[in-house]
């Protein structure tokens, strides 16, 4: 059940996309590689091929833009890595939350977890391995930085959701709102019935009130 659920495409992870499948085939070309080595090959390929943007992209965009444009944000990195792992048969989930900066400010962030049999879930943060860690004041360099974020996370990560949550609407003819690229991955953030003339709403980033 775990392998079926986490190697299949969903509304967030386009593991069935033709470009993803074509790219994934190069990581299964050597049959003797075990899942760890295959996942590490995907991780290293992404770090060597794609450039990380310092800020989150906005507008009518897709994480698959990363494949053609070779540049993207941490959301794009996490979703593409997760999709590639699923496409080669490694269970994977995107993880969303925030990074806590040195002044206790928060920044939306995304990473991944992959599953190895007889081991469990294994964290991978491609964006941090690509250098975002240094923007957060973490003093790791080069190969040390790359190695750390394949299997480890720092104490500045706070998780809000693992995987994409499909929420069923409450109203048959209601109006729903999806907020993309934020600290939780879910299909509905707001919902109103069809007789409501209008409303206003405000979503703020999580605030750190204390560190213990």
N, C-alpha and C. Protein backbone atom coordinates (compact mmCIF):
# COMPACT_ATOMS: atom_id res chain seq x y z
N UNK A 1 0.83 -1.20 0.00
CA UNK A 1 0.00 0.00 0.00
C UNK A 1 0.87 1.26 0.00
N UNK A 2 1.95 1.25 0.79
CA UNK A 2 2.81 2.43 0.84
C UNK A 2 3.45 2.68 -0.52
N UNK A 3 3.98 1.62 -1.14
CA UNK A 3 4.62 1.79 -2.45
C UNK A 3 3.62 2.25 -3.50
N UNK A 4 2.40 1.72 -3.46
CA UNK A 4 1.39 2.12 -4.43
C UNK A 4 1.02 3.59 -4.27
N UNK A 5 0.83 4.01 -3.02
CA UNK A 5 0.41 5.39 -2.75
C UNK A 5 1.49 6.40 -3.10
N UNK A 6 2.74 6.08 -2.79
CA UNK A 6 3.80 7.08 -2.88
C UNK A 6 4.72 6.91 -4.09
N UNK A 7 4.33 6.04 -5.03
CA UNK A 7 5.01 6.02 -6.32
C UNK A 7 4.05 6.39 -7.45
N UNK A 8 2.84 6.79 -7.10
CA UNK A 8 1.83 7.17 -8.09
C UNK A 8 1.74 8.69 -8.21
N UNK A 9 1.31 9.19 -9.38
CA UNK A 9 1.12 10.63 -9.52
C UNK A 9 -0.09 11.10 -8.72
N UNK A 10 -0.11 12.37 -8.37
CA UNK A 10 -1.30 12.96 -7.75
C UNK A 10 -1.42 14.40 -8.24
N UNK A 11 -2.32 15.17 -7.63
CA UNK A 11 -2.58 16.53 -8.10
C UNK A 11 -1.39 17.45 -7.93
N UNK A 12 -0.45 17.07 -7.09
CA UNK A 12 0.71 17.90 -6.82
C UNK A 12 1.98 17.38 -7.48
N UNK A 13 2.11 16.07 -7.56
CA UNK A 13 3.35 15.44 -8.04
C UNK A 13 3.11 14.80 -9.41
N UNK A 14 3.62 15.40 -10.49
CA UNK A 14 3.34 14.90 -11.85
C UNK A 14 4.27 13.76 -12.27
N UNK A 15 4.21 12.66 -11.52
CA UNK A 15 5.13 11.55 -11.79
C UNK A 15 4.84 10.85 -13.10
N UNK A 16 3.65 11.10 -13.71
CA UNK A 16 3.29 10.46 -14.97
C UNK A 16 3.65 11.33 -16.17
N UNK A 17 4.16 12.54 -15.95
CA UNK A 17 4.48 13.45 -17.03
C UNK A 17 5.54 12.84 -17.95
N UNK A 18 5.37 13.04 -19.26
CA UNK A 18 6.27 12.41 -20.24
C UNK A 18 7.72 12.87 -20.07
N UNK A 19 7.92 14.16 -19.77
CA UNK A 19 9.29 14.67 -19.57
C UNK A 19 9.92 14.07 -18.31
N UNK A 20 9.11 13.92 -17.26
CA UNK A 20 9.61 13.31 -16.03
C UNK A 20 10.00 11.86 -16.28
N UNK A 21 9.15 11.11 -16.97
CA UNK A 21 9.43 9.70 -17.24
C UNK A 21 10.67 9.55 -18.11
N UNK A 22 10.80 10.41 -19.11
CA UNK A 22 11.97 10.35 -19.99
C UNK A 22 13.25 10.64 -19.22
N UNK A 23 13.23 11.67 -18.38
CA UNK A 23 14.41 12.01 -17.58
C UNK A 23 14.71 10.92 -16.56
N UNK A 24 13.66 10.35 -15.96
CA UNK A 24 13.85 9.32 -14.93
C UNK A 24 14.52 8.07 -15.49
N UNK A 25 14.33 7.81 -16.78
CA UNK A 25 14.87 6.58 -17.36
C UNK A 25 16.39 6.52 -17.27
N UNK A 26 17.06 7.68 -17.24
CA UNK A 26 18.52 7.65 -17.16
C UNK A 26 19.01 7.20 -15.79
N UNK A 27 18.15 7.29 -14.77
CA UNK A 27 18.57 6.89 -13.43
C UNK A 27 18.30 5.41 -13.16
N UNK A 28 17.61 4.75 -14.08
CA UNK A 28 17.37 3.31 -13.95
C UNK A 28 18.16 2.53 -14.99
N UNK A 29 19.02 3.21 -15.74
CA UNK A 29 19.78 2.55 -16.81
C UNK A 29 20.78 1.55 -16.26
N UNK A 30 21.26 1.77 -15.04
CA UNK A 30 22.21 0.83 -14.42
C UNK A 30 21.41 -0.03 -13.42
N UNK A 31 21.03 -1.26 -13.80
CA UNK A 31 20.13 -2.06 -12.97
C UNK A 31 20.70 -2.45 -11.61
N UNK A 32 22.00 -2.48 -11.45
CA UNK A 32 22.59 -2.92 -10.19
C UNK A 32 22.54 -1.85 -9.10
N UNK A 33 22.21 -0.64 -9.48
CA UNK A 33 22.12 0.42 -8.47
C UNK A 33 20.96 0.15 -7.52
N UNK A 34 21.18 0.34 -6.22
CA UNK A 34 20.09 0.18 -5.27
C UNK A 34 19.31 1.48 -5.16
N UNK A 35 18.15 1.49 -4.47
CA UNK A 35 17.33 2.71 -4.40
C UNK A 35 18.08 3.91 -3.84
N UNK A 36 18.94 3.68 -2.85
CA UNK A 36 19.71 4.80 -2.28
C UNK A 36 20.59 5.44 -3.35
N UNK A 37 21.30 4.63 -4.11
CA UNK A 37 22.19 5.14 -5.15
C UNK A 37 21.41 5.84 -6.26
N UNK A 38 20.24 5.31 -6.60
CA UNK A 38 19.41 5.95 -7.62
C UNK A 38 18.92 7.31 -7.16
N UNK A 39 18.43 7.38 -5.92
CA UNK A 39 17.96 8.65 -5.38
C UNK A 39 19.09 9.66 -5.29
N UNK A 40 20.27 9.21 -4.89
CA UNK A 40 21.42 10.10 -4.82
C UNK A 40 21.81 10.60 -6.21
N UNK A 41 21.66 9.75 -7.22
CA UNK A 41 21.94 10.16 -8.59
C UNK A 41 20.98 11.26 -9.04
N UNK A 42 19.71 11.14 -8.68
CA UNK A 42 18.72 12.17 -8.99
C UNK A 42 19.09 13.48 -8.30
N UNK A 43 19.43 13.38 -7.02
CA UNK A 43 19.81 14.55 -6.21
C UNK A 43 21.02 15.26 -6.82
N UNK A 44 22.06 14.52 -7.14
CA UNK A 44 23.27 15.12 -7.70
C UNK A 44 23.01 15.71 -9.09
N UNK A 45 22.19 15.02 -9.89
CA UNK A 45 21.84 15.55 -11.21
C UNK A 45 21.16 16.90 -11.08
N UNK A 46 20.22 17.02 -10.16
CA UNK A 46 19.50 18.28 -10.01
C UNK A 46 20.42 19.39 -9.53
N UNK A 47 21.32 19.08 -8.61
CA UNK A 47 22.25 20.10 -8.12
C UNK A 47 23.22 20.54 -9.22
N UNK A 48 23.58 19.62 -10.11
CA UNK A 48 24.52 19.94 -11.18
C UNK A 48 23.86 20.62 -12.38
N UNK A 49 22.53 20.48 -12.50
CA UNK A 49 21.84 20.91 -13.72
C UNK A 49 21.02 22.19 -13.55
N UNK A 50 20.38 22.33 -12.38
CA UNK A 50 19.42 23.42 -12.20
C UNK A 50 19.94 24.49 -11.26
N UNK A 51 19.53 25.72 -11.53
CA UNK A 51 19.92 26.86 -10.72
C UNK A 51 18.75 27.25 -9.81
N UNK A 52 19.06 27.60 -8.56
CA UNK A 52 18.03 27.93 -7.57
C UNK A 52 17.78 29.44 -7.52
N UNK A 53 16.51 29.81 -7.60
CA UNK A 53 16.13 31.21 -7.42
C UNK A 53 16.08 31.54 -5.93
N UNK A 54 16.41 32.77 -5.55
CA UNK A 54 16.39 33.14 -4.13
C UNK A 54 14.99 33.35 -3.58
N UNK A 55 14.01 33.63 -4.46
CA UNK A 55 12.65 33.92 -4.01
C UNK A 55 11.65 32.97 -4.67
N UNK A 56 10.48 32.85 -4.07
CA UNK A 56 9.42 31.99 -4.60
C UNK A 56 8.78 32.61 -5.83
N UNK A 57 8.62 31.81 -6.87
CA UNK A 57 8.00 32.30 -8.11
C UNK A 57 6.51 32.54 -7.91
N UNK A 58 5.95 33.43 -8.71
CA UNK A 58 4.51 33.73 -8.66
C UNK A 58 3.95 33.74 -10.08
N UNK A 59 2.62 33.72 -10.17
CA UNK A 59 1.96 33.79 -11.47
C UNK A 59 1.51 32.43 -11.96
N UNK A 60 1.18 32.35 -13.24
CA UNK A 60 0.70 31.12 -13.86
C UNK A 60 1.89 30.24 -14.22
N UNK A 61 2.34 29.45 -13.26
CA UNK A 61 3.58 28.71 -13.39
C UNK A 61 3.40 27.25 -12.99
N UNK A 62 4.35 26.42 -13.37
CA UNK A 62 4.33 24.99 -13.06
C UNK A 62 5.72 24.57 -12.62
N UNK A 63 5.83 23.62 -11.68
CA UNK A 63 7.16 23.12 -11.32
C UNK A 63 7.88 22.47 -12.48
N UNK A 64 7.13 22.02 -13.49
CA UNK A 64 7.76 21.40 -14.66
C UNK A 64 8.52 22.41 -15.51
N UNK A 65 8.30 23.71 -15.26
CA UNK A 65 9.09 24.73 -15.95
C UNK A 65 10.58 24.52 -15.69
N UNK A 66 10.90 23.95 -14.54
CA UNK A 66 12.30 23.72 -14.16
C UNK A 66 13.04 22.88 -15.20
N UNK A 67 12.33 21.92 -15.80
CA UNK A 67 12.97 21.01 -16.73
C UNK A 67 13.47 21.72 -17.98
N UNK A 68 12.73 22.73 -18.43
CA UNK A 68 13.09 23.44 -19.65
C UNK A 68 13.91 24.70 -19.38
N UNK A 69 13.55 25.43 -18.33
CA UNK A 69 14.20 26.71 -18.04
C UNK A 69 15.47 26.55 -17.22
N UNK A 70 15.64 25.38 -16.58
CA UNK A 70 16.84 25.07 -15.77
C UNK A 70 17.01 25.99 -14.57
N UNK A 71 15.94 26.64 -14.15
CA UNK A 71 16.00 27.52 -12.99
C UNK A 71 14.63 27.49 -12.31
N UNK A 72 14.62 27.49 -10.97
CA UNK A 72 13.35 27.43 -10.26
C UNK A 72 13.55 27.70 -8.78
N UNK A 73 12.45 27.69 -8.04
CA UNK A 73 12.52 27.94 -6.60
C UNK A 73 12.50 26.62 -5.83
N UNK A 74 12.47 26.70 -4.51
CA UNK A 74 12.55 25.48 -3.70
C UNK A 74 11.32 24.59 -3.87
N UNK A 75 10.18 25.18 -4.21
CA UNK A 75 8.98 24.38 -4.50
C UNK A 75 9.23 23.54 -5.76
N UNK A 76 9.72 24.17 -6.82
CA UNK A 76 10.01 23.44 -8.06
C UNK A 76 11.00 22.31 -7.81
N UNK A 77 12.06 22.59 -7.04
CA UNK A 77 13.08 21.58 -6.75
C UNK A 77 12.46 20.39 -6.02
N UNK A 78 11.64 20.66 -5.01
CA UNK A 78 11.05 19.59 -4.20
C UNK A 78 10.08 18.74 -5.02
N UNK A 79 9.22 19.40 -5.81
CA UNK A 79 8.21 18.66 -6.58
C UNK A 79 8.87 17.83 -7.67
N UNK A 80 9.84 18.39 -8.38
CA UNK A 80 10.50 17.64 -9.45
C UNK A 80 11.30 16.47 -8.87
N UNK A 81 12.01 16.69 -7.77
CA UNK A 81 12.74 15.58 -7.15
C UNK A 81 11.78 14.48 -6.72
N UNK A 82 10.67 14.85 -6.09
CA UNK A 82 9.68 13.86 -5.66
C UNK A 82 9.12 13.10 -6.84
N UNK A 83 8.79 13.81 -7.93
CA UNK A 83 8.23 13.17 -9.12
C UNK A 83 9.23 12.20 -9.75
N UNK A 84 10.49 12.60 -9.83
CA UNK A 84 11.51 11.72 -10.42
C UNK A 84 11.69 10.46 -9.58
N UNK A 85 11.70 10.62 -8.26
CA UNK A 85 11.83 9.43 -7.40
C UNK A 85 10.64 8.50 -7.56
N UNK A 86 9.44 9.06 -7.61
CA UNK A 86 8.26 8.21 -7.82
C UNK A 86 8.34 7.49 -9.17
N UNK A 87 8.82 8.20 -10.19
CA UNK A 87 8.89 7.63 -11.53
C UNK A 87 9.88 6.47 -11.62
N UNK A 88 10.87 6.42 -10.73
CA UNK A 88 11.82 5.30 -10.74
C UNK A 88 11.49 4.28 -9.65
N UNK A 89 10.31 4.40 -9.04
CA UNK A 89 9.85 3.39 -8.10
C UNK A 89 10.24 3.60 -6.66
N UNK A 90 10.74 4.78 -6.31
CA UNK A 90 11.10 5.07 -4.92
C UNK A 90 9.97 5.88 -4.29
N UNK A 91 9.33 5.39 -3.24
CA UNK A 91 8.26 6.17 -2.59
C UNK A 91 8.78 7.53 -2.14
N UNK A 92 8.02 8.57 -2.41
CA UNK A 92 8.46 9.93 -2.08
C UNK A 92 7.26 10.81 -1.82
N UNK A 93 7.44 11.77 -0.91
CA UNK A 93 6.39 12.76 -0.64
C UNK A 93 7.02 14.15 -0.58
N UNK A 94 6.29 15.16 -1.08
CA UNK A 94 6.75 16.52 -0.85
C UNK A 94 6.39 16.96 0.56
N UNK A 95 7.23 17.76 1.17
CA UNK A 95 6.99 18.26 2.51
C UNK A 95 6.98 19.78 2.45
N UNK A 96 6.01 20.40 3.13
CA UNK A 96 5.92 21.86 3.13
C UNK A 96 5.96 22.38 4.54
N UNK A 97 6.50 23.58 4.69
CA UNK A 97 6.58 24.21 6.00
C UNK A 97 7.28 25.53 5.89
N UNK A 98 8.05 25.85 6.89
CA UNK A 98 8.79 27.12 6.90
C UNK A 98 10.22 26.89 7.36
N UNK A 99 11.07 27.80 6.95
CA UNK A 99 12.41 27.91 7.50
C UNK A 99 12.43 29.09 8.47
N UNK A 100 13.08 28.93 9.60
CA UNK A 100 13.18 30.00 10.59
C UNK A 100 14.52 30.69 10.43
N UNK A 101 14.49 31.97 10.12
CA UNK A 101 15.71 32.74 9.95
C UNK A 101 16.28 33.16 11.30
N UNK A 102 17.48 33.70 11.30
CA UNK A 102 18.18 34.03 12.54
C UNK A 102 17.44 35.07 13.37
N UNK A 103 16.63 35.92 12.72
CA UNK A 103 15.86 36.93 13.45
C UNK A 103 14.46 36.44 13.81
N UNK A 104 14.24 35.12 13.70
CA UNK A 104 12.97 34.44 13.99
C UNK A 104 11.89 34.69 12.94
N UNK A 105 12.23 35.38 11.85
CA UNK A 105 11.28 35.50 10.74
C UNK A 105 11.16 34.14 10.05
N UNK A 106 10.05 33.92 9.36
CA UNK A 106 9.83 32.64 8.69
C UNK A 106 9.74 32.84 7.18
N UNK A 107 10.07 31.78 6.47
CA UNK A 107 10.03 31.80 5.00
C UNK A 107 9.46 30.48 4.53
N UNK A 108 8.44 30.52 3.66
CA UNK A 108 7.86 29.29 3.14
C UNK A 108 8.94 28.46 2.45
N UNK A 109 8.86 27.13 2.65
CA UNK A 109 9.90 26.27 2.09
C UNK A 109 9.32 24.88 1.83
N UNK A 110 9.97 24.17 0.90
CA UNK A 110 9.51 22.83 0.52
C UNK A 110 10.71 21.92 0.35
N UNK A 111 10.55 20.67 0.75
CA UNK A 111 11.59 19.66 0.59
C UNK A 111 10.91 18.32 0.37
N UNK A 112 11.61 17.22 0.52
CA UNK A 112 11.06 15.90 0.22
C UNK A 112 11.44 14.89 1.27
N UNK A 113 10.70 13.79 1.30
CA UNK A 113 11.09 12.60 2.05
C UNK A 113 10.95 11.41 1.12
N UNK A 114 11.93 10.52 1.15
CA UNK A 114 11.86 9.29 0.36
C UNK A 114 11.93 8.10 1.30
N UNK A 115 11.42 6.97 0.83
CA UNK A 115 11.29 5.80 1.71
C UNK A 115 12.20 4.68 1.23
N UNK A 116 12.99 4.13 2.16
CA UNK A 116 13.82 2.97 1.89
C UNK A 116 13.34 1.81 2.76
N UNK A 117 13.09 0.70 2.14
CA UNK A 117 12.62 -0.47 2.88
C UNK A 117 13.65 -0.90 3.92
N UNK A 118 13.15 -1.27 5.10
CA UNK A 118 13.97 -1.67 6.25
C UNK A 118 14.74 -0.51 6.88
N UNK A 119 14.47 0.71 6.40
CA UNK A 119 15.08 1.89 7.01
C UNK A 119 14.02 2.89 7.45
N UNK A 120 13.14 3.28 6.54
CA UNK A 120 12.10 4.26 6.85
C UNK A 120 12.22 5.50 5.98
N UNK A 121 11.64 6.60 6.44
CA UNK A 121 11.62 7.84 5.67
C UNK A 121 12.92 8.61 5.86
N UNK A 122 13.39 9.19 4.76
CA UNK A 122 14.72 9.77 4.64
C UNK A 122 14.57 11.18 4.06
N UNK A 123 14.96 12.25 4.79
CA UNK A 123 14.75 13.61 4.29
C UNK A 123 15.77 14.02 3.23
N UNK A 124 15.28 14.76 2.25
CA UNK A 124 16.16 15.30 1.20
C UNK A 124 15.70 16.73 0.90
N UNK A 125 16.59 17.69 1.04
CA UNK A 125 16.26 19.08 0.73
C UNK A 125 17.19 19.55 -0.39
N UNK A 126 16.69 19.43 -1.62
CA UNK A 126 17.51 19.75 -2.78
C UNK A 126 17.86 21.24 -2.81
N UNK A 127 16.90 22.09 -2.48
CA UNK A 127 17.14 23.53 -2.51
C UNK A 127 18.23 23.94 -1.53
N UNK A 128 18.20 23.38 -0.33
CA UNK A 128 19.24 23.70 0.65
C UNK A 128 20.59 23.18 0.18
N UNK A 129 20.60 22.00 -0.42
CA UNK A 129 21.84 21.46 -0.97
C UNK A 129 22.37 22.29 -2.11
N UNK A 130 21.47 23.03 -2.80
CA UNK A 130 21.87 23.87 -3.92
C UNK A 130 22.40 25.23 -3.49
N UNK A 131 22.40 25.48 -2.18
CA UNK A 131 22.99 26.71 -1.70
C UNK A 131 22.07 27.60 -0.90
N UNK A 132 20.79 27.25 -0.81
CA UNK A 132 19.87 28.08 -0.04
C UNK A 132 20.24 28.10 1.44
N UNK A 133 20.93 27.07 1.89
CA UNK A 133 21.35 27.01 3.29
C UNK A 133 22.23 28.19 3.66
N UNK A 134 23.06 28.62 2.73
CA UNK A 134 23.96 29.73 3.01
C UNK A 134 23.20 31.04 3.15
N UNK A 135 22.07 31.18 2.44
CA UNK A 135 21.24 32.36 2.59
C UNK A 135 20.55 32.38 3.95
N UNK A 136 20.47 31.21 4.59
CA UNK A 136 19.87 31.10 5.91
C UNK A 136 20.91 31.21 7.02
N UNK A 137 22.15 31.48 6.66
CA UNK A 137 23.21 31.63 7.65
C UNK A 137 23.83 30.34 8.13
N UNK A 138 23.60 29.24 7.40
CA UNK A 138 24.16 27.94 7.78
C UNK A 138 25.54 27.81 7.14
N UNK A 139 26.55 27.60 7.95
CA UNK A 139 27.94 27.66 7.47
C UNK A 139 28.44 26.30 6.99
N UNK A 140 27.85 25.84 5.91
CA UNK A 140 28.33 24.64 5.24
C UNK A 140 28.73 25.04 3.82
N UNK A 141 29.73 24.40 3.26
CA UNK A 141 30.24 24.77 1.95
C UNK A 141 30.40 23.53 1.07
N UNK A 142 30.24 23.74 -0.24
CA UNK A 142 30.59 22.74 -1.24
C UNK A 142 30.03 21.36 -1.00
N UNK A 143 30.92 20.37 -1.03
CA UNK A 143 30.51 18.97 -0.88
C UNK A 143 29.92 18.68 0.49
N UNK A 144 30.37 19.40 1.49
CA UNK A 144 29.82 19.23 2.84
C UNK A 144 28.35 19.65 2.86
N UNK A 145 28.04 20.74 2.19
CA UNK A 145 26.66 21.22 2.08
C UNK A 145 25.81 20.22 1.32
N UNK A 146 26.30 19.76 0.20
CA UNK A 146 25.58 18.81 -0.65
C UNK A 146 25.30 17.51 0.10
N UNK A 147 26.30 17.02 0.80
CA UNK A 147 26.15 15.75 1.50
C UNK A 147 25.17 15.85 2.67
N UNK A 148 25.18 16.95 3.39
CA UNK A 148 24.36 17.07 4.59
C UNK A 148 22.87 16.98 4.27
N UNK A 149 22.42 17.65 3.23
CA UNK A 149 20.99 17.73 2.97
C UNK A 149 20.44 16.54 2.18
N UNK A 150 21.27 15.54 1.94
CA UNK A 150 20.78 14.26 1.46
C UNK A 150 20.78 13.30 2.66
N UNK A 151 19.70 13.38 3.44
CA UNK A 151 19.57 12.51 4.60
C UNK A 151 19.48 13.23 5.92
N UNK A 152 19.71 14.56 5.94
CA UNK A 152 19.68 15.31 7.19
C UNK A 152 18.94 16.63 7.00
N UNK A 153 18.40 17.14 8.10
CA UNK A 153 17.80 18.48 8.11
C UNK A 153 18.37 19.24 9.30
N UNK A 154 18.43 20.55 9.16
CA UNK A 154 18.86 21.38 10.27
C UNK A 154 17.66 21.72 11.16
N UNK A 155 17.92 22.41 12.25
CA UNK A 155 16.88 22.73 13.23
C UNK A 155 16.03 23.92 12.80
N UNK A 156 16.27 24.48 11.62
CA UNK A 156 15.51 25.63 11.16
C UNK A 156 14.27 25.24 10.35
N UNK A 157 14.08 23.95 10.11
CA UNK A 157 12.90 23.47 9.37
C UNK A 157 11.73 23.23 10.32
N UNK A 158 10.56 23.71 9.98
CA UNK A 158 9.31 23.38 10.69
C UNK A 158 8.33 22.83 9.66
N UNK A 159 7.87 21.61 9.87
CA UNK A 159 6.96 20.95 8.93
C UNK A 159 5.50 21.28 9.25
N UNK A 160 4.73 21.59 8.20
CA UNK A 160 3.29 21.77 8.36
C UNK A 160 2.51 20.64 7.68
N UNK A 161 3.02 20.10 6.59
CA UNK A 161 2.29 18.99 5.95
C UNK A 161 3.26 18.09 5.19
N UNK A 162 2.92 16.80 5.19
CA UNK A 162 3.65 15.80 4.41
C UNK A 162 2.71 15.26 3.36
N UNK A 163 3.08 15.43 2.10
CA UNK A 163 2.20 15.00 1.02
C UNK A 163 1.11 16.03 0.75
N UNK A 164 0.40 15.81 -0.33
CA UNK A 164 -0.66 16.72 -0.75
C UNK A 164 -2.00 16.26 -0.19
N UNK A 165 -2.72 17.16 0.44
CA UNK A 165 -4.00 16.82 1.06
C UNK A 165 -5.16 17.22 0.15
N UNK A 166 -5.88 16.23 -0.33
CA UNK A 166 -7.09 16.48 -1.12
C UNK A 166 -8.26 16.63 -0.16
N UNK A 167 -8.79 17.85 -0.06
CA UNK A 167 -9.89 18.14 0.85
C UNK A 167 -11.20 18.18 0.06
N UNK A 168 -12.19 17.45 0.52
CA UNK A 168 -13.48 17.43 -0.17
C UNK A 168 -14.25 18.70 0.16
N UNK A 169 -14.84 19.34 -0.86
CA UNK A 169 -15.63 20.54 -0.60
C UNK A 169 -16.89 20.23 0.21
N UNK A 170 -17.32 21.20 1.01
CA UNK A 170 -18.51 21.03 1.85
C UNK A 170 -19.79 21.32 1.09
N UNK A 171 -19.70 22.13 0.04
CA UNK A 171 -20.88 22.55 -0.72
C UNK A 171 -20.79 22.04 -2.15
N UNK A 172 -21.91 21.52 -2.64
CA UNK A 172 -21.93 20.97 -3.99
C UNK A 172 -21.64 22.03 -5.04
N UNK A 173 -22.16 23.23 -4.84
CA UNK A 173 -21.98 24.31 -5.81
C UNK A 173 -21.24 25.49 -5.20
N UNK A 174 -20.37 25.20 -4.25
CA UNK A 174 -19.66 26.27 -3.57
C UNK A 174 -18.47 26.80 -4.36
N UNK A 175 -17.81 27.77 -3.77
CA UNK A 175 -16.62 28.36 -4.37
C UNK A 175 -15.43 28.06 -3.48
N UNK A 176 -14.38 27.53 -4.06
CA UNK A 176 -13.19 27.19 -3.29
C UNK A 176 -11.99 28.00 -3.78
N UNK A 177 -11.03 28.18 -2.88
CA UNK A 177 -9.81 28.91 -3.19
C UNK A 177 -8.62 28.02 -2.86
N UNK A 178 -7.67 27.95 -3.79
CA UNK A 178 -6.43 27.22 -3.59
C UNK A 178 -5.29 28.22 -3.50
N UNK A 179 -4.52 28.16 -2.44
CA UNK A 179 -3.33 28.98 -2.30
C UNK A 179 -2.11 28.10 -2.59
N UNK A 180 -1.44 28.39 -3.69
CA UNK A 180 -0.30 27.57 -4.09
C UNK A 180 1.01 28.11 -3.53
N UNK A 181 1.98 27.25 -3.44
CA UNK A 181 3.32 27.62 -2.97
C UNK A 181 3.29 28.34 -1.63
N UNK A 182 2.62 27.72 -0.71
CA UNK A 182 2.62 28.25 0.65
C UNK A 182 2.98 27.14 1.62
N UNK A 183 2.85 27.39 2.92
CA UNK A 183 3.45 26.50 3.91
C UNK A 183 2.70 25.19 4.14
N UNK A 184 1.57 24.96 3.46
CA UNK A 184 0.88 23.68 3.54
C UNK A 184 0.38 23.30 2.15
N UNK A 185 0.46 22.03 1.82
CA UNK A 185 0.04 21.54 0.52
C UNK A 185 -1.35 20.93 0.64
N UNK A 186 -2.38 21.66 0.20
CA UNK A 186 -3.75 21.17 0.30
C UNK A 186 -4.60 21.79 -0.80
N UNK A 187 -5.66 21.09 -1.19
CA UNK A 187 -6.45 21.50 -2.35
C UNK A 187 -7.41 22.64 -2.06
N UNK A 188 -7.82 22.83 -0.82
CA UNK A 188 -8.76 23.91 -0.47
C UNK A 188 -8.22 24.69 0.72
N UNK A 189 -8.17 26.01 0.57
CA UNK A 189 -7.80 26.90 1.67
C UNK A 189 -9.00 27.69 2.16
N UNK A 190 -9.91 28.00 1.28
CA UNK A 190 -11.13 28.73 1.64
C UNK A 190 -12.29 28.14 0.87
N UNK A 191 -13.47 28.22 1.47
CA UNK A 191 -14.67 27.75 0.79
C UNK A 191 -15.86 28.60 1.21
N UNK A 192 -16.72 28.93 0.26
CA UNK A 192 -17.95 29.66 0.55
C UNK A 192 -19.09 29.05 -0.24
N UNK A 193 -20.31 29.18 0.27
CA UNK A 193 -21.45 28.64 -0.48
C UNK A 193 -21.85 29.62 -1.58
N UNK A 194 -22.73 29.16 -2.45
CA UNK A 194 -23.05 29.95 -3.63
C UNK A 194 -24.03 31.09 -3.38
N UNK A 195 -24.51 31.26 -2.15
CA UNK A 195 -25.43 32.37 -1.86
C UNK A 195 -24.70 33.53 -1.18
N UNK A 196 -23.44 33.34 -0.86
CA UNK A 196 -22.67 34.40 -0.22
C UNK A 196 -22.22 35.41 -1.27
N UNK A 197 -22.58 36.67 -1.06
CA UNK A 197 -22.26 37.70 -2.05
C UNK A 197 -20.77 37.99 -2.11
N UNK A 198 -20.09 37.93 -0.99
CA UNK A 198 -18.68 38.21 -0.98
C UNK A 198 -18.11 38.17 0.42
N UNK A 199 -16.83 38.13 0.53
CA UNK A 199 -16.16 38.13 1.83
C UNK A 199 -14.72 38.57 1.63
N UNK A 200 -14.04 38.87 2.71
CA UNK A 200 -12.62 39.21 2.63
C UNK A 200 -11.84 38.25 3.53
N UNK A 201 -10.59 38.02 3.20
CA UNK A 201 -9.77 37.11 4.00
C UNK A 201 -8.31 37.57 3.93
N UNK A 202 -7.55 37.14 4.91
CA UNK A 202 -6.14 37.48 4.97
C UNK A 202 -5.37 36.30 5.51
N UNK A 203 -4.35 35.87 4.76
CA UNK A 203 -3.48 34.78 5.21
C UNK A 203 -2.08 35.32 5.43
N UNK A 204 -1.61 35.21 6.65
CA UNK A 204 -0.26 35.65 6.97
C UNK A 204 0.67 34.44 7.14
N UNK A 205 1.94 34.65 6.91
CA UNK A 205 2.92 33.60 7.16
C UNK A 205 2.98 33.33 8.66
N UNK A 206 3.25 32.08 9.07
CA UNK A 206 3.38 31.77 10.50
C UNK A 206 4.44 32.66 11.16
N UNK A 207 4.17 33.01 12.41
CA UNK A 207 5.07 33.88 13.16
C UNK A 207 5.64 33.10 14.34
N UNK A 208 6.94 33.21 14.56
CA UNK A 208 7.59 32.59 15.71
C UNK A 208 7.42 33.51 16.92
N UNK A 209 6.79 33.01 17.96
CA UNK A 209 6.59 33.84 19.18
C UNK A 209 7.58 33.52 20.28
N UNK A 210 8.28 32.39 20.15
CA UNK A 210 9.27 32.04 21.16
C UNK A 210 10.07 30.83 20.75
N UNK A 211 11.31 30.77 21.18
CA UNK A 211 12.19 29.63 20.89
C UNK A 211 12.71 29.13 22.22
N UNK A 212 12.51 27.84 22.49
CA UNK A 212 12.86 27.29 23.80
C UNK A 212 13.94 26.23 23.66
